[in-house]
Amino acid sequence: MAKGGGKVKQKPPRRGKRLGVKLFGGQKANPGNIILRQVGSNFHPGQGTKMGKDYTIFAIKEGVVNLKTLKGRKVVEVV
């Protein structure tokens, strides 16, 4: 007779990873502000931004966020 999983198999709900765009196009960004959190490089850093080791894109200068497509790549920049 096989035993049932019971309570051991039931895990409590886990929090989401809170990914996504944090500052949208047209919004003001200061140096160090996180613009976008992502898994993998769906968006690429452009002028005025850099990418962290966890693929987070953040501002390195003050300006306005701009999301655009360049040669088929989605690019985030701060101008």
PDB file of N, CA and C in Angstrom:
ATOM      1  N   MET A   1       0.827  -1.183   0.000  1.00  0.00           N
ATOM      2  CA  MET A   1       0.000   0.000   0.000  1.00  0.00           C
ATOM      3  C   MET A   1       0.881   1.261   0.000  1.00  0.00           C
ATOM      4  N   ALA A   2       0.662   2.176  -0.935  1.00  0.00           N
ATOM      5  CA  ALA A   2       1.482   3.393  -1.026  1.00  0.00           C
ATOM      6  C   ALA A   2       0.945   4.452  -0.068  1.00  0.00           C
ATOM      7  N   LYS A   3       1.873   5.134   0.551  1.00  0.00           N
ATOM      8  CA  LYS A   3       1.473   6.198   1.485  1.00  0.00           C
ATOM      9  C   LYS A   3       1.158   7.474   0.709  1.00  0.00           C
ATOM     10  N   GLY A   4       0.252   8.271   1.201  1.00  0.00           N
ATOM     11  CA  GLY A   4      -0.077   9.556   0.579  1.00  0.00           C
ATOM     12  C   GLY A   4       0.945  10.615   0.971  1.00  0.00           C
ATOM     13  N   GLY A   5       1.029  11.671   0.194  1.00  0.00           N
ATOM     14  CA  GLY A   5       1.996  12.752   0.465  1.00  0.00           C
ATOM     15  C   GLY A   5       1.648  13.530   1.718  1.00  0.00           C
ATOM     16  N   GLY A   6       0.373  13.776   1.900  1.00  0.00           N
ATOM     17  CA  GLY A   6      -0.072  14.499   3.082  1.00  0.00           C
ATOM     18  C   GLY A   6       0.469  15.913   3.139  1.00  0.00           C
ATOM     19  N   LYS A   7       0.694  16.417   4.356  1.00  0.00           N
ATOM     20  CA  LYS A   7       1.134  17.799   4.575  1.00  0.00           C
ATOM     21  C   LYS A   7       2.538  18.074   4.067  1.00  0.00           C
ATOM     22  N   VAL A   8       3.363  17.042   3.972  1.00  0.00           N
ATOM     23  CA  VAL A   8       4.755  17.238   3.556  1.00  0.00           C
ATOM     24  C   VAL A   8       4.826  17.820   2.143  1.00  0.00           C
ATOM     25  N   LYS A   9       3.925  17.403   1.267  1.00  0.00           N
ATOM     26  CA  LYS A   9       3.942  17.864  -0.129  1.00  0.00           C
ATOM     27  C   LYS A   9       3.366  19.271  -0.277  1.00  0.00           C
ATOM     28  N   GLN A  10       2.608  19.737   0.705  1.00  0.00           N
ATOM     29  CA  GLN A  10       1.958  21.040   0.597  1.00  0.00           C
ATOM     30  C   GLN A  10       2.875  22.134   1.119  1.00  0.00           C
ATOM     31  N   LYS A  11       3.312  23.007   0.229  1.00  0.00           N
ATOM     32  CA  LYS A  11       4.182  24.111   0.625  1.00  0.00           C
ATOM     33  C   LYS A  11       3.358  25.384   0.737  1.00  0.00           C
ATOM     34  N   PRO A  12       3.721  26.289   1.624  1.00  0.00           N
ATOM     35  CA  PRO A  12       2.989  27.557   1.717  1.00  0.00           C
ATOM     36  C   PRO A  12       3.243  28.414   0.472  1.00  0.00           C
ATOM     37  N   PRO A  13       2.354  29.340   0.170  1.00  0.00           N
ATOM     38  CA  PRO A  13       2.550  30.191  -1.015  1.00  0.00           C
ATOM     39  C   PRO A  13       3.831  31.011  -0.907  1.00  0.00           C
ATOM     40  N   ARG A  14       4.524  31.159  -2.023  1.00  0.00           N
ATOM     41  CA  ARG A  14       5.765  31.926  -2.070  1.00  0.00           C
ATOM     42  C   ARG A  14       5.510  33.297  -2.683  1.00  0.00           C
ATOM     43  N   ARG A  15       6.290  34.303  -2.248  1.00  0.00           N
ATOM     44  CA  ARG A  15       6.168  35.649  -2.827  1.00  0.00           C
ATOM     45  C   ARG A  15       6.690  35.652  -4.256  1.00  0.00           C
ATOM     46  N   GLY A  16       6.103  36.524  -5.097  1.00  0.00           N
ATOM     47  CA  GLY A  16       6.599  36.694  -6.453  1.00  0.00           C
ATOM     48  C   GLY A  16       7.950  37.384  -6.429  1.00  0.00           C
ATOM     49  N   LYS A  17       8.642  37.414  -7.575  1.00  0.00           N
ATOM     50  CA  LYS A  17       9.989  37.979  -7.636  1.00  0.00           C
ATOM     51  C   LYS A  17      10.016  39.495  -7.832  1.00  0.00           C
ATOM     52  N   ARG A  18       8.849  40.116  -7.979  1.00  0.00           N
ATOM     53  CA  ARG A  18       8.752  41.578  -8.134  1.00  0.00           C
ATOM     54  C   ARG A  18       9.561  42.076  -9.335  1.00  0.00           C
ATOM     55  N   LEU A  19       9.428  41.394 -10.462  1.00  0.00           N
ATOM     56  CA  LEU A  19      10.135  41.779 -11.677  1.00  0.00           C
ATOM     57  C   LEU A  19       9.300  42.791 -12.456  1.00  0.00           C
ATOM     58  N   GLY A  20       9.913  43.387 -13.471  1.00  0.00           N
ATOM     59  CA  GLY A  20       9.176  44.278 -14.354  1.00  0.00           C
ATOM     60  C   GLY A  20       9.772  45.671 -14.409  1.00  0.00           C
ATOM     61  N   VAL A  21       9.078  46.547 -15.117  1.00  0.00           N
ATOM     62  CA  VAL A  21       9.532  47.927 -15.301  1.00  0.00           C
ATOM     63  C   VAL A  21       9.185  48.733 -14.062  1.00  0.00           C
ATOM     64  N   LYS A  22      10.171  49.427 -13.501  1.00  0.00           N
ATOM     65  CA  LYS A  22       9.967  50.246 -12.306  1.00  0.00           C
ATOM     66  C   LYS A  22       9.808  51.729 -12.665  1.00  0.00           C
ATOM     67  N   LEU A  23      10.507  52.181 -13.694  1.00  0.00           N
ATOM     68  CA  LEU A  23      10.355  53.549 -14.202  1.00  0.00           C
ATOM     69  C   LEU A  23      10.007  53.457 -15.678  1.00  0.00           C
ATOM     70  N   PHE A  24       8.884  54.029 -16.072  1.00  0.00           N
ATOM     71  CA  PHE A  24       8.427  53.951 -17.455  1.00  0.00           C
ATOM     72  C   PHE A  24       8.967  55.112 -18.283  1.00  0.00           C
ATOM     73  N   GLY A  25       8.794  55.030 -19.595  1.00  0.00           N
ATOM     74  CA  GLY A  25       9.235  56.074 -20.507  1.00  0.00           C
ATOM     75  C   GLY A  25       8.639  57.421 -20.152  1.00  0.00           C
ATOM     76  N   GLY A  26       9.479  58.456 -20.136  1.00  0.00           N
ATOM     77  CA  GLY A  26       9.028  59.797 -19.804  1.00  0.00           C
ATOM     78  C   GLY A  26       9.211  60.146 -18.341  1.00  0.00           C
ATOM     79  N   GLN A  27       9.490  59.161 -17.483  1.00  0.00           N
ATOM     80  CA  GLN A  27       9.694  59.442 -16.067  1.00  0.00           C
ATOM     81  C   GLN A  27      11.148  59.826 -15.804  1.00  0.00           C
ATOM     82  N   LYS A  28      11.344  60.628 -14.760  1.00  0.00           N
ATOM     83  CA  LYS A  28      12.680  61.126 -14.409  1.00  0.00           C
ATOM     84  C   LYS A  28      13.446  60.048 -13.640  1.00  0.00           C
ATOM     85  N   ALA A  29      14.737  59.887 -13.964  1.00  0.00           N
ATOM     86  CA  ALA A  29      15.594  58.918 -13.272  1.00  0.00           C
ATOM     87  C   ALA A  29      16.826  59.623 -12.724  1.00  0.00           C
ATOM     88  N   ASN A  30      17.205  59.264 -11.510  1.00  0.00           N
ATOM     89  CA  ASN A  30      18.439  59.754 -10.898  1.00  0.00           C
ATOM     90  C   ASN A  30      19.477  58.645 -10.943  1.00  0.00           C
ATOM     91  N   PRO A  31      20.770  58.977 -10.819  1.00  0.00           N
ATOM     92  CA  PRO A  31      21.805  57.935 -10.834  1.00  0.00           C
ATOM     93  C   PRO A  31      21.544  56.890  -9.742  1.00  0.00           C
ATOM     94  N   GLY A  32      21.601  55.625 -10.128  1.00  0.00           N
ATOM     95  CA  GLY A  32      21.374  54.534  -9.186  1.00  0.00           C
ATOM     96  C   GLY A  32      19.946  54.034  -9.147  1.00  0.00           C
ATOM     97  N   ASN A  33      19.012  54.772  -9.734  1.00  0.00           N
ATOM     98  CA  ASN A  33      17.616  54.317  -9.759  1.00  0.00           C
ATOM     99  C   ASN A  33      17.474  53.065 -10.618  1.00  0.00           C
ATOM    100  N   ILE A  34      16.740  52.079 -10.094  1.00  0.00           N
ATOM    101  CA  ILE A  34      16.456  50.870 -10.869  1.00  0.00           C
ATOM    102  C   ILE A  34      15.336  51.197 -11.849  1.00  0.00           C
ATOM    103  N   ILE A  35      15.578  50.899 -13.112  1.00  0.00           N
ATOM    104  CA  ILE A  35      14.587  51.174 -14.155  1.00  0.00           C
ATOM    105  C   ILE A  35      13.793  49.906 -14.466  1.00  0.00           C
ATOM    106  N   LEU A  36      14.484  48.748 -14.467  1.00  0.00           N
ATOM    107  CA  LEU A  36      13.849  47.518 -14.899  1.00  0.00           C
ATOM    108  C   LEU A  36      14.494  46.315 -14.227  1.00  0.00           C
ATOM    109  N   ARG A  37      13.676  45.402 -13.712  1.00  0.00           N
ATOM    110  CA  ARG A  37      14.178  44.124 -13.175  1.00  0.00           C
ATOM    111  C   ARG A  37      13.681  43.018 -14.090  1.00  0.00           C
ATOM    112  N   GLN A  38      14.586  42.091 -14.458  1.00  0.00           N
ATOM    113  CA  GLN A  38      14.224  41.057 -15.422  1.00  0.00           C
ATOM    114  C   GLN A  38      15.045  39.788 -15.186  1.00  0.00           C
ATOM    115  N   VAL A  39      14.577  38.676 -15.762  1.00  0.00           N
ATOM    116  CA  VAL A  39      15.330  37.424 -15.759  1.00  0.00           C
ATOM    117  C   VAL A  39      15.824  37.242 -17.183  1.00  0.00           C
ATOM    118  N   GLY A  40      17.137  37.326 -17.389  1.00  0.00           N
ATOM    119  CA  GLY A  40      17.692  37.289 -18.733  1.00  0.00           C
ATOM    120  C   GLY A  40      17.648  38.673 -19.353  1.00  0.00           C
ATOM    121  N   SER A  41      18.307  38.827 -20.496  1.00  0.00           N
ATOM    122  CA  SER A  41      18.418  40.162 -21.097  1.00  0.00           C
ATOM    123  C   SER A  41      17.371  40.390 -22.181  1.00  0.00           C
ATOM    124  N   ASN A  42      16.102  40.521 -21.772  1.00  0.00           N
ATOM    125  CA  ASN A  42      15.049  40.874 -22.722  1.00  0.00           C
ATOM    126  C   ASN A  42      15.225  42.308 -23.192  1.00  0.00           C
ATOM    127  N   PHE A  43      15.576  43.185 -22.251  1.00  0.00           N
ATOM    128  CA  PHE A  43      15.886  44.581 -22.562  1.00  0.00           C
ATOM    129  C   PHE A  43      17.386  44.763 -22.420  1.00  0.00           C
ATOM    130  N   HIS A  44      17.965  45.646 -23.214  1.00  0.00           N
ATOM    131  CA  HIS A  44      19.397  45.901 -23.183  1.00  0.00           C
ATOM    132  C   HIS A  44      19.664  47.335 -22.748  1.00  0.00           C
ATOM    133  N   PRO A  45      20.793  47.577 -22.066  1.00  0.00           N
ATOM    134  CA  PRO A  45      21.101  48.933 -21.625  1.00  0.00           C
ATOM    135  C   PRO A  45      21.553  49.809 -22.791  1.00  0.00           C
ATOM    136  N   GLY A  46      21.084  51.044 -22.800  1.00  0.00           N
ATOM    137  CA  GLY A  46      21.498  52.004 -23.817  1.00  0.00           C
ATOM    138  C   GLY A  46      22.265  53.135 -23.160  1.00  0.00           C
ATOM    139  N   GLN A  47      22.204  54.293 -23.757  1.00  0.00           N
ATOM    140  CA  GLN A  47      22.901  55.479 -23.267  1.00  0.00           C
ATOM    141  C   GLN A  47      22.398  55.848 -21.869  1.00  0.00           C
ATOM    142  N   GLY A  48      23.324  56.058 -20.928  1.00  0.00           N
ATOM    143  CA  GLY A  48      22.965  56.499 -19.581  1.00  0.00           C
ATOM    144  C   GLY A  48      22.502  55.398 -18.645  1.00  0.00           C
ATOM    145  N   THR A  49      22.620  54.124 -19.084  1.00  0.00           N
ATOM    146  CA  THR A  49      22.213  52.999 -18.232  1.00  0.00           C
ATOM    147  C   THR A  49      23.281  51.914 -18.233  1.00  0.00           C
ATOM    148  N   LYS A  50      23.228  51.057 -17.222  1.00  0.00           N
ATOM    149  CA  LYS A  50      24.102  49.887 -17.156  1.00  0.00           C
ATOM    150  C   LYS A  50      23.278  48.698 -16.703  1.00  0.00           C
ATOM    151  N   MET A  51      23.833  47.487 -16.903  1.00  0.00           N
ATOM    152  CA  MET A  51      23.143  46.262 -16.509  1.00  0.00           C
ATOM    153  C   MET A  51      23.908  45.594 -15.377  1.00  0.00           C
ATOM    154  N   GLY A  52      23.183  45.232 -14.309  1.00  0.00           N
ATOM    155  CA  GLY A  52      23.787  44.527 -13.185  1.00  0.00           C
ATOM    156  C   GLY A  52      23.934  43.046 -13.491  1.00  0.00           C
ATOM    157  N   LYS A  53      24.592  42.318 -12.576  1.00  0.00           N
ATOM    158  CA  LYS A  53      24.843  40.894 -12.829  1.00  0.00           C
ATOM    159  C   LYS A  53      23.562  40.053 -12.812  1.00  0.00           C
ATOM    160  N   ASP A  54      22.489  40.582 -12.192  1.00  0.00           N
ATOM    161  CA  ASP A  54      21.205  39.880 -12.211  1.00  0.00           C
ATOM    162  C   ASP A  54      20.292  40.436 -13.312  1.00  0.00           C
ATOM    163  N   TYR A  55      20.880  41.103 -14.300  1.00  0.00           N
ATOM    164  CA  TYR A  55      20.190  41.670 -15.473  1.00  0.00           C
ATOM    165  C   TYR A  55      19.318  42.878 -15.143  1.00  0.00           C
ATOM    166  N   THR A  56      19.474  43.452 -13.951  1.00  0.00           N
ATOM    167  CA  THR A  56      18.754  44.670 -13.597  1.00  0.00           C
ATOM    168  C   THR A  56      19.351  45.829 -14.381  1.00  0.00           C
ATOM    169  N   ILE A  57      18.509  46.660 -14.964  1.00  0.00           N
ATOM    170  CA  ILE A  57      18.999  47.847 -15.678  1.00  0.00           C
ATOM    171  C   ILE A  57      18.771  49.055 -14.783  1.00  0.00           C
ATOM    172  N   PHE A  58      19.835  49.840 -14.567  1.00  0.00           N
ATOM    173  CA  PHE A  58      19.770  50.997 -13.678  1.00  0.00           C
ATOM    174  C   PHE A  58      20.404  52.220 -14.334  1.00  0.00           C
ATOM    175  N   ALA A  59      20.008  53.393 -13.847  1.00  0.00           N
ATOM    176  CA  ALA A  59      20.502  54.655 -14.402  1.00  0.00           C
ATOM    177  C   ALA A  59      21.888  54.972 -13.847  1.00  0.00           C
ATOM    178  N   ILE A  60      22.767  55.543 -14.697  1.00  0.00           N
ATOM    179  CA  ILE A  60      24.071  56.003 -14.227  1.00  0.00           C
ATOM    180  C   ILE A  60      24.199  57.522 -14.343  1.00  0.00           C
ATOM    181  N   LYS A  61      23.156  58.148 -14.895  1.00  0.00           N
ATOM    182  CA  LYS A  61      23.125  59.611 -14.934  1.00  0.00           C
ATOM    183  C   LYS A  61      21.685  60.092 -14.785  1.00  0.00           C
ATOM    184  N   GLU A  62      21.533  61.374 -14.535  1.00  0.00           N
ATOM    185  CA  GLU A  62      20.204  61.953 -14.360  1.00  0.00           C
ATOM    186  C   GLU A  62      19.590  62.251 -15.719  1.00  0.00           C
ATOM    187  N   GLY A  63      18.295  62.009 -15.844  1.00  0.00           N
ATOM    188  CA  GLY A  63      17.614  62.301 -17.098  1.00  0.00           C
ATOM    189  C   GLY A  63      16.243  61.667 -17.148  1.00  0.00           C
ATOM    190  N   VAL A  64      15.722  61.532 -18.371  1.00  0.00           N
ATOM    191  CA  VAL A  64      14.386  60.970 -18.589  1.00  0.00           C
ATOM    192  C   VAL A  64      14.528  59.598 -19.240  1.00  0.00           C
ATOM    193  N   VAL A  65      13.747  58.640 -18.755  1.00  0.00           N
ATOM    194  CA  VAL A  65      13.787  57.269 -19.263  1.00  0.00           C
ATOM    195  C   VAL A  65      13.145  57.205 -20.641  1.00  0.00           C
ATOM    196  N   ASN A  66      13.784  56.452 -21.542  1.00  0.00           N
ATOM    197  CA  ASN A  66      13.268  56.275 -22.894  1.00  0.00           C
ATOM    198  C   ASN A  66      13.389  54.801 -23.265  1.00  0.00           C
ATOM    199  N   LEU A  67      12.274  54.166 -23.647  1.00  0.00           N
ATOM    200  CA  LEU A  67      12.275  52.771 -24.092  1.00  0.00           C
ATOM    201  C   LEU A  67      12.090  52.767 -25.599  1.00  0.00           C
ATOM    202  N   LYS A  68      12.986  52.100 -26.331  1.00  0.00           N
ATOM    203  CA  LYS A  68      12.870  52.086 -27.787  1.00  0.00           C
ATOM    204  C   LYS A  68      13.413  50.783 -28.357  1.00  0.00           C
ATOM    205  N   THR A  69      13.236  50.595 -29.657  1.00  0.00           N
ATOM    206  CA  THR A  69      13.743  49.412 -30.353  1.00  0.00           C
ATOM    207  C   THR A  69      14.818  49.840 -31.334  1.00  0.00           C
ATOM    208  N   LEU A  70      15.996  49.216 -31.240  1.00  0.00           N
ATOM    209  CA  LEU A  70      17.110  49.489 -32.150  1.00  0.00           C
ATOM    210  C   LEU A  70      17.559  48.183 -32.777  1.00  0.00           C
ATOM    211  N   LYS A  71      17.447  48.068 -34.083  1.00  0.00           N
ATOM    212  CA  LYS A  71      17.868  46.866 -34.810  1.00  0.00           C
ATOM    213  C   LYS A  71      17.273  45.598 -34.206  1.00  0.00           C
ATOM    214  N   GLY A  72      15.998  45.655 -33.861  1.00  0.00           N
ATOM    215  CA  GLY A  72      15.301  44.496 -33.322  1.00  0.00           C
ATOM    216  C   GLY A  72      15.544  44.226 -31.841  1.00  0.00           C
ATOM    217  N   ARG A  73      16.323  45.081 -31.172  1.00  0.00           N
ATOM    218  CA  ARG A  73      16.599  44.925 -29.738  1.00  0.00           C
ATOM    219  C   ARG A  73      15.821  45.960 -28.956  1.00  0.00           C
ATOM    220  N   LYS A  74      15.240  45.547 -27.839  1.00  0.00           N
ATOM    221  CA  LYS A  74      14.560  46.502 -26.961  1.00  0.00           C
ATOM    222  C   LYS A  74      15.620  47.148 -26.084  1.00  0.00           C
ATOM    223  N   VAL A  75      15.716  48.461 -26.159  1.00  0.00           N
ATOM    224  CA  VAL A  75      16.771  49.214 -25.474  1.00  0.00           C
ATOM    225  C   VAL A  75      16.158  50.202 -24.489  1.00  0.00           C
ATOM    226  N   VAL A  76      16.802  50.321 -23.309  1.00  0.00           N
ATOM    227  CA  VAL A  76      16.396  51.285 -22.293  1.00  0.00           C
ATOM    228  C   VAL A  76      17.512  52.309 -22.186  1.00  0.00           C
ATOM    229  N   GLU A  77      17.163  53.599 -22.247  1.00  0.00           N
ATOM    230  CA  GLU A  77      18.183  54.638 -22.104  1.00  0.00           C
ATOM    231  C   GLU A  77      17.682  55.779 -21.251  1.00  0.00           C
ATOM    232  N   VAL A  78      18.642  56.545 -20.726  1.00  0.00           N
ATOM    233  CA  VAL A  78      18.327  57.735 -19.947  1.00  0.00           C
ATOM    234  C   VAL A  78      18.996  58.900 -20.655  1.00  0.00           C
ATOM    235  N   VAL A  79      18.179  59.845 -21.137  1.00  0.00           N
ATOM    236  CA  VAL A  79      18.710  60.984 -21.911  1.00  0.00           C
ATOM    237  C   VAL A  79      18.379  62.279 -21.193  1.00  0.00           C
TER     238      VAL A  79
END
